[in-house]
Each structure stands twice: as structure tokens, then as C-alpha cells.
């Protein structure tokens, strides 16, 4: 990756003001946790009406809906009482009652501590908001949700609080972990992996294949600051490595823009291919966009993917 794609800049040329110690400020998630939790509840409430939970055809006991009889189906599925009201045959569908086990992973590695003046949140904050909101919507839809490698999948009304505490306790230890962890999974688990995915694509691809071999599927949500996409820097700019490497001084930062854009496009294409190769969705989200937009897209994508299997 180009240096700016994997680093936090020390001086913000968009506002011409010194940023101080960005990692120290951004990594202090504990002080911002109440706001993150409150925002997650708001996002969950705003998207819950756009998804339909686990109301899908299956072998449960609860009636869901009538639908027209399809040629080739067994005649014993016909609801003759409903069909007698007209000239068309109908099938009485029942709602699937076996809850799925979902596991959420929210990246807490150093590159997630980035926020430019173009972004709405630190990437780590946005990832937490999205992960917690998605968990809440899934639980309210009848599913079970856990924190990947940290907690079992639960169907609990206070799932946001439970996962927020798990995330907070784990974050300091996981600052060096930029790909989701290896862990045992229940059969047919569903994973929601939220990160900037500024990582080694081969390592990530191998981990996704491990999940797929265990029968897991799910989605990758790439959270990016808009400055990381557009590379708006010009003139003398000092970029500082979030992983502690040597800083990089660019005398004419704009001269790097074309090469940077090419390497970023290549990286994203490889990420998408790795996800699709393991049967995972791949979505992107920028922190200057509404969080609810990304949450709804991901939930709808997961729902459609499950219907197709």
C-alpha cells in the first residue's frame, strides 16, 4: 500500500492546524463509549424498519403468509381452505424459527485511529457504532449475536451493552491484530467483519477460507475516511506511521496522488476477490456518510445472501 493509505498523518493540511498525538486521542475509546453506545441505539432504531428480521420461509410453527402454489410442488402443501375462496391455489408458508448465530468483529488496530477533517468519526468509533447497531437489529429480529472469539452468541435485550463491554476490554490487547482472529465457530455461523482492511490481503484471505471451511459466511464492511480515498494532500506533508515506523515527509504530496489511487484500487480489488472467493459479501463505507446507510446495506445484503442459500 502507498504510505498514506496505511498511516495517520501528523499534520492536517486541510485545516492547517496541528493534530497533537492522534493515536493517544483516538485510542481512548473508553471516554467516548457512552456516545458510541447512544449512537448505536439511534442507528439501530433508524434501520430496524428497513429489514424484516428472520421472517423467512422454513419449518417453524408460526404462520407467515400465503403465496401462490408453484408448478412442481407437492400437492400436500396446498391450503385448500384458502384456495377455495377463488380460482387460484395457495400455499400456507410458515416462518423459519431456527435462529442464526452471528458474530461481530470490530477492528481495533492502530490504523483505525485515523480521522481527517473530512471524516465524521474516528474509524474505530464508526466501526463500533456499526457493529453494535447491527447486533441490536439482528437480536430484535430473533437472531443470536456474539463478539467473535470473545462471547457466545446471545439473544439478549442488552446486546449493545454486552458487546460494547467486550469490545472495550479487548481493544487494548488487539491493537496489533488487523485481521479477524482464528476461532472455533458453531455450525453455519454468520460473521460481520468491520475494519479498514489495511492489512495483508493474503493473510486475510487465508483466514476467510478457514471460516468458509468451517461453514461460516457473512460480510466484510470496509470503513474508510474520505481523505484516505481522495488523498487531498498537497505541498509539504508529514505522514506518521500508526504502527510506529519512521515518518514519511512528502515535499509535494500531490505528486503521489495518482500512484496512491492506483495502489488503493488494486488493494480494494484484491480484498473484494478474497471476500467473494470465500462466499462473503464485500461492502465499503466512508465516515462522512450516515452510519445507518451502511448498516441497512449490510443487513439487507446478509438477508439476501441467506435467502439464496
Protein backbone atom coordinates (compact mmCIF):
# COMPACT_ATOMS: atom_id res chain seq x y z
CA UNK A 1 0.00 0.00 0.00
CA UNK A 2 1.05 3.59 -0.51
CA UNK A 3 2.31 5.17 2.67
CA UNK A 4 -0.71 7.42 3.25
CA UNK A 5 -3.15 4.53 2.88
CA UNK A 6 -1.66 2.74 5.86
CA UNK A 7 -0.74 5.66 8.07
CA UNK A 8 -2.16 8.53 10.04
CA UNK A 9 -0.94 11.98 9.02
CA UNK A 10 0.68 14.10 11.68
CA UNK A 11 -0.24 17.48 10.24
CA UNK A 12 -3.66 18.05 8.72
CA UNK A 13 -3.15 20.14 5.55
CA UNK A 14 -6.91 20.52 5.14
CA UNK A 15 -7.20 22.74 8.21
CA UNK A 16 -3.55 23.80 8.66
CA UNK A 17 -3.62 23.02 12.34
CA UNK A 18 -1.52 20.70 14.45
CA UNK A 19 -3.26 17.50 15.41
CA UNK A 20 -1.25 16.59 18.52
CA UNK A 21 -0.97 12.87 19.32
CA UNK A 22 -3.79 11.40 17.20
CA UNK A 23 -3.38 7.80 18.33
CA UNK A 24 -3.46 8.72 22.02
CA UNK A 25 -6.66 10.69 21.49
CA UNK A 26 -8.34 8.20 19.17
CA UNK A 27 -7.41 5.10 21.15
CA UNK A 28 -9.15 6.46 24.24
CA UNK A 29 -12.34 4.69 23.27
CA UNK A 30 -13.43 4.31 26.89
CA UNK A 31 -14.09 8.02 27.28
CA UNK A 32 -16.26 8.00 24.15
CA UNK A 33 -18.06 4.74 24.82
CA UNK A 34 -21.30 6.31 26.16
CA UNK A 35 -21.61 8.38 22.99
CA UNK A 36 -20.79 5.36 20.82
CA UNK A 37 -23.46 3.27 22.56
CA UNK A 38 -26.06 6.03 22.29
CA UNK A 39 -25.29 6.49 18.62
CA UNK A 40 -25.53 2.73 18.02
CA UNK A 41 -29.02 2.71 19.53
CA UNK A 42 -30.05 5.59 17.26
CA UNK A 43 -28.72 3.84 14.16
CA UNK A 44 -30.41 0.56 15.11
CA UNK A 45 -33.74 2.31 15.62
CA UNK A 46 -33.48 4.06 12.26
CA UNK A 47 -32.79 0.90 10.23
CA UNK A 48 -34.96 -1.65 12.03
CA UNK A 49 -37.95 -0.81 9.84
CA UNK A 50 -35.92 -1.41 6.70
CA UNK A 51 -35.24 -5.06 7.44
CA UNK A 52 -37.54 -7.94 8.19
CA UNK A 53 -35.59 -9.86 10.80
CA UNK A 54 -35.73 -13.62 10.30
CA UNK A 55 -39.21 -13.74 8.79
CA UNK A 56 -38.43 -16.21 6.01
CA UNK A 57 -39.92 -19.45 4.83
CA UNK A 58 -38.99 -22.54 6.81
CA UNK A 59 -40.20 -25.35 9.03
CA UNK A 60 -41.46 -23.43 12.05
CA UNK A 61 -44.91 -23.43 13.61
CA UNK A 62 -45.89 -19.76 13.16
CA UNK A 63 -47.90 -18.79 10.10
CA UNK A 64 -46.13 -16.21 7.94
CA UNK A 65 -48.03 -15.69 4.70
CA UNK A 66 -49.96 -17.27 1.83
CA UNK A 67 -48.31 -17.47 -1.58
CA UNK A 68 -49.42 -18.90 -4.92
CA UNK A 69 -48.82 -22.60 -5.50
CA UNK A 70 -45.90 -23.21 -7.88
CA UNK A 71 -45.87 -25.88 -10.57
CA UNK A 72 -43.84 -28.87 -9.45
CA UNK A 73 -44.54 -28.50 -5.72
CA UNK A 74 -46.10 -31.31 -3.74
CA UNK A 75 -49.91 -31.08 -3.63
CA UNK A 76 -49.92 -31.71 0.14
CA UNK A 77 -48.60 -28.16 0.63
CA UNK A 78 -51.77 -26.59 -0.78
CA UNK A 79 -54.01 -24.81 1.72
CA UNK A 80 -57.38 -25.93 0.39
CA UNK A 81 -59.44 -23.67 2.65
CA UNK A 82 -57.69 -20.51 1.40
CA UNK A 83 -57.65 -21.81 -2.20
CA UNK A 84 -61.43 -22.44 -2.10
CA UNK A 85 -62.05 -18.67 -1.93
CA UNK A 86 -61.02 -18.20 -5.55
CA UNK A 87 -59.67 -19.79 -8.68
CA UNK A 88 -56.01 -19.88 -7.60
CA UNK A 89 -54.19 -22.42 -5.43
CA UNK A 90 -52.29 -21.12 -2.39
CA UNK A 91 -49.58 -22.49 -0.10
CA UNK A 92 -49.51 -21.62 3.60
CA UNK A 93 -45.93 -20.65 4.43
CA UNK A 94 -44.53 -20.82 7.94
CA UNK A 95 -41.80 -18.67 9.43
CA UNK A 96 -38.35 -20.11 9.95
CA UNK A 97 -37.80 -20.45 13.68
CA UNK A 98 -34.19 -21.60 13.98
CA UNK A 99 -32.21 -18.51 15.00
CA UNK A 100 -28.86 -17.95 13.31
CA UNK A 101 -25.63 -17.42 15.25
CA UNK A 102 -23.96 -14.16 14.25
CA UNK A 103 -20.54 -12.98 15.40
CA UNK A 104 -19.31 -9.40 15.06
CA UNK A 105 -15.67 -8.33 14.84
CA UNK A 106 -14.74 -4.64 15.05
CA UNK A 107 -11.11 -3.83 14.23
CA UNK A 108 -9.20 -2.01 16.99
CA UNK A 109 -5.79 -1.95 15.27
CA UNK A 110 -3.73 1.29 15.04
CA UNK A 111 -4.84 2.26 11.53
CA UNK A 112 -8.41 2.53 12.84
CA UNK A 113 -7.40 5.56 14.94
CA UNK A 114 -7.41 7.82 11.89
CA UNK A 115 -9.75 10.78 11.38
CA UNK A 116 -9.25 13.67 8.96
CA UNK A 117 -11.16 16.92 8.89
CA UNK A 118 -13.24 15.39 6.08
CA UNK A 119 -14.40 12.44 8.19
CA UNK A 120 -17.26 12.34 10.64
CA UNK A 121 -15.73 9.96 13.18
CA UNK A 122 -12.58 8.11 14.03
CA UNK A 123 -12.74 4.90 12.06
CA UNK A 124 -12.63 2.88 15.28
CA UNK A 125 -15.69 4.77 16.59
CA UNK A 126 -17.65 4.27 13.38
CA UNK A 127 -16.80 0.56 13.33
CA UNK A 128 -18.04 0.21 16.92
CA UNK A 129 -21.26 2.11 16.21
CA UNK A 130 -22.00 -0.05 13.18
CA UNK A 131 -21.14 -3.33 14.86
CA UNK A 132 -23.28 -2.60 17.91
CA UNK A 133 -26.21 -1.29 15.87
CA UNK A 134 -26.18 -4.31 13.56
CA UNK A 135 -26.08 -6.63 16.58
CA UNK A 136 -29.11 -4.91 18.10
CA UNK A 137 -31.15 -5.15 14.89
CA UNK A 138 -30.27 -8.83 14.48
CA UNK A 139 -31.23 -9.68 18.07
CA UNK A 140 -34.51 -7.82 17.71
CA UNK A 141 -35.09 -9.86 14.57
CA UNK A 142 -34.79 -13.09 16.53
CA UNK A 143 -31.13 -13.95 15.93
CA UNK A 144 -28.30 -14.58 18.40
CA UNK A 145 -25.21 -12.37 18.31
CA UNK A 146 -21.79 -12.55 19.94
CA UNK A 147 -18.40 -10.87 19.75
CA UNK A 148 -16.09 -13.01 17.60
CA UNK A 149 -13.74 -15.09 19.80
CA UNK A 150 -14.92 -13.25 22.93
CA UNK A 151 -18.51 -14.11 23.77
CA UNK A 152 -21.02 -16.78 22.79
CA UNK A 153 -23.90 -15.81 20.53
CA UNK A 154 -26.69 -14.47 22.73
CA UNK A 155 -30.27 -13.36 22.31
CA UNK A 156 -30.23 -10.59 24.92
CA UNK A 157 -32.06 -7.29 25.03
CA UNK A 158 -28.91 -5.58 26.30
CA UNK A 159 -26.74 -6.96 23.49
CA UNK A 160 -25.33 -3.49 22.76
CA UNK A 161 -24.04 -3.12 26.32
CA UNK A 162 -22.64 -6.66 26.39
CA UNK A 163 -20.74 -6.30 23.12
CA UNK A 164 -19.59 -2.76 23.95
CA UNK A 165 -18.00 -4.00 27.17
CA UNK A 166 -16.37 -6.91 25.36
CA UNK A 167 -15.02 -4.55 22.69
CA UNK A 168 -13.68 -2.14 25.29
CA UNK A 169 -11.94 -4.88 27.26
CA UNK A 170 -10.41 -6.39 24.12
CA UNK A 171 -9.34 -3.22 22.29
CA UNK A 172 -6.01 -2.60 24.11
CA UNK A 173 -4.86 -6.20 23.59
CA UNK A 174 -5.92 -6.29 19.93
CA UNK A 175 -4.14 -3.17 18.71
CA UNK A 176 -1.69 -5.39 16.84
CA UNK A 177 -4.45 -7.54 15.30
CA UNK A 178 -5.52 -6.20 11.91
CA UNK A 179 -7.26 -9.34 10.67
CA UNK A 180 -10.09 -11.18 12.46
CA UNK A 181 -8.93 -13.92 14.85
CA UNK A 182 -8.85 -17.66 14.34
CA UNK A 183 -11.58 -19.22 16.46
CA UNK A 184 -13.94 -22.17 16.62
CA UNK A 185 -17.41 -21.45 15.27
CA UNK A 186 -20.80 -23.13 15.59
CA UNK A 187 -22.24 -24.76 12.52
CA UNK A 188 -23.42 -22.33 9.82
CA UNK A 189 -22.26 -19.26 11.74
CA UNK A 190 -22.65 -15.83 10.17
CA UNK A 191 -19.83 -13.27 10.56
CA UNK A 192 -19.87 -9.46 10.34
CA UNK A 193 -16.29 -8.20 10.00
CA UNK A 194 -15.80 -4.42 10.21
CA UNK A 195 -12.38 -2.87 9.53
CA UNK A 196 -10.45 -0.61 7.18
CA UNK A 197 -8.76 -3.83 6.00
CA UNK A 198 -5.41 -2.10 5.57
CA UNK A 199 -3.80 -5.47 6.10
CA UNK A 200 -2.00 -8.24 4.29
CA UNK A 201 -4.62 -9.50 1.83
CA UNK A 202 -3.09 -12.97 1.65
CA UNK A 203 -3.35 -13.40 5.42
CA UNK A 204 -6.91 -12.13 5.40
CA UNK A 205 -7.82 -14.42 2.50
CA UNK A 206 -6.41 -17.44 4.36
CA UNK A 207 -8.46 -16.55 7.45
CA UNK A 208 -11.63 -16.15 5.40
CA UNK A 209 -11.04 -19.55 3.84
CA UNK A 210 -10.72 -21.02 7.34
CA UNK A 211 -14.11 -19.54 8.21
CA UNK A 212 -15.62 -20.81 4.96
CA UNK A 213 -14.23 -24.30 5.51
CA UNK A 214 -15.99 -24.28 8.90
CA UNK A 215 -19.29 -23.49 7.14
CA UNK A 216 -19.35 -19.79 8.04
CA UNK A 217 -20.46 -16.99 5.73
CA UNK A 218 -21.06 -13.30 6.22
CA UNK A 219 -19.84 -9.87 5.20
CA UNK A 220 -16.81 -7.60 5.24
CA UNK A 221 -17.52 -3.90 5.74
CA UNK A 222 -14.57 -1.68 4.83
CA UNK A 223 -14.69 1.58 6.83
CA UNK A 224 -12.64 4.37 5.29
CA UNK A 225 -12.03 8.05 5.97
CA UNK A 226 -12.81 10.11 2.85
CA UNK A 227 -9.28 11.56 2.90
CA UNK A 228 -7.89 8.06 2.56
CA UNK A 229 -9.91 7.68 -0.62
CA UNK A 230 -9.35 11.08 -2.25
CA UNK A 231 -5.82 11.81 -0.98
CA UNK A 232 -6.45 15.59 -0.80
CA UNK A 233 -2.96 16.45 0.49
CA UNK A 234 -0.71 18.94 -1.26
CA UNK A 235 2.55 20.71 -0.55
CA UNK A 236 4.81 19.65 2.30
CA UNK A 237 3.08 16.96 4.36
CA UNK A 238 4.44 14.71 7.08
CA UNK A 239 2.83 11.28 7.34
CA UNK A 240 3.32 9.31 10.53
CA UNK A 241 3.05 5.52 10.70
CA UNK A 242 0.39 4.38 13.18
CA UNK A 243 2.39 1.18 13.71
CA UNK A 244 5.41 3.11 14.95
CA UNK A 245 7.51 3.13 11.80
CA UNK A 246 9.55 6.05 10.56
CA UNK A 247 7.57 9.12 9.44
CA UNK A 248 7.47 9.98 5.75
CA UNK A 249 7.99 13.55 4.52
CA UNK A 250 6.46 14.46 1.17
CA UNK A 251 7.71 17.68 -0.34
CA UNK A 252 4.95 17.74 -2.94
CA UNK A 253 2.24 15.43 -1.62
CA UNK A 254 0.02 15.95 -4.66
CA UNK A 255 2.63 14.24 -6.84
CA UNK A 256 1.81 10.95 -5.04
CA UNK A 257 -1.93 11.10 -5.72
CA UNK A 258 -2.08 9.13 -8.97
CA UNK A 259 0.19 6.32 -7.79
CA UNK A 260 -1.65 6.20 -4.48
CA UNK A 261 -5.04 5.91 -6.18
CA UNK A 262 -3.78 3.07 -8.36
CA UNK A 263 -2.41 1.09 -5.42
CA UNK A 264 -5.58 1.66 -3.40
CA UNK A 265 -7.76 0.45 -6.27
CA UNK A 266 -5.59 -2.65 -6.57
CA UNK A 267 -5.81 -3.32 -2.84
CA UNK A 268 -9.62 -2.98 -2.82
CA UNK A 269 -9.93 -5.28 -5.84
CA UNK A 270 -7.87 -7.94 -4.05
CA UNK A 271 -9.98 -7.57 -0.91
CA UNK A 272 -13.17 -7.97 -2.91
CA UNK A 273 -11.83 -11.06 -4.64
CA UNK A 274 -10.74 -12.59 -1.31
CA UNK A 275 -14.19 -11.99 0.18
CA UNK A 276 -16.09 -13.33 -2.80
CA UNK A 277 -13.80 -16.34 -3.05
CA UNK A 278 -14.81 -17.33 0.50
CA UNK A 279 -18.50 -16.62 -0.07
CA UNK A 280 -18.56 -13.32 1.84
CA UNK A 281 -20.14 -10.03 0.86
CA UNK A 282 -17.82 -7.04 0.48
CA UNK A 283 -19.13 -3.54 1.16
CA UNK A 284 -17.47 -0.14 1.60
CA UNK A 285 -18.43 2.78 3.82
CA UNK A 286 -16.95 6.26 4.27
CA UNK A 287 -17.11 8.02 7.62
CA UNK A 288 -18.62 11.16 6.10
CA UNK A 289 -21.69 9.13 5.12
CA UNK A 290 -24.57 8.26 7.51
CA UNK A 291 -23.87 5.17 9.60
CA UNK A 292 -27.45 3.98 9.09
CA UNK A 293 -26.82 3.80 5.35
CA UNK A 294 -24.04 1.24 5.80
CA UNK A 295 -25.93 -0.73 8.46
CA UNK A 296 -29.01 -1.09 6.27
CA UNK A 297 -26.98 -2.11 3.20
CA UNK A 298 -25.12 -4.75 5.19
CA UNK A 299 -28.23 -6.17 6.84
CA UNK A 300 -30.12 -6.34 3.57
CA UNK A 301 -27.13 -7.97 1.90
CA UNK A 302 -26.92 -10.59 4.63
CA UNK A 303 -30.64 -11.26 4.38
CA UNK A 304 -30.50 -11.71 0.61
CA UNK A 305 -27.45 -13.93 0.91
CA UNK A 306 -29.18 -16.20 3.41
CA UNK A 307 -32.29 -16.45 1.23
CA UNK A 308 -30.09 -17.57 -1.67
CA UNK A 309 -28.50 -20.44 0.31
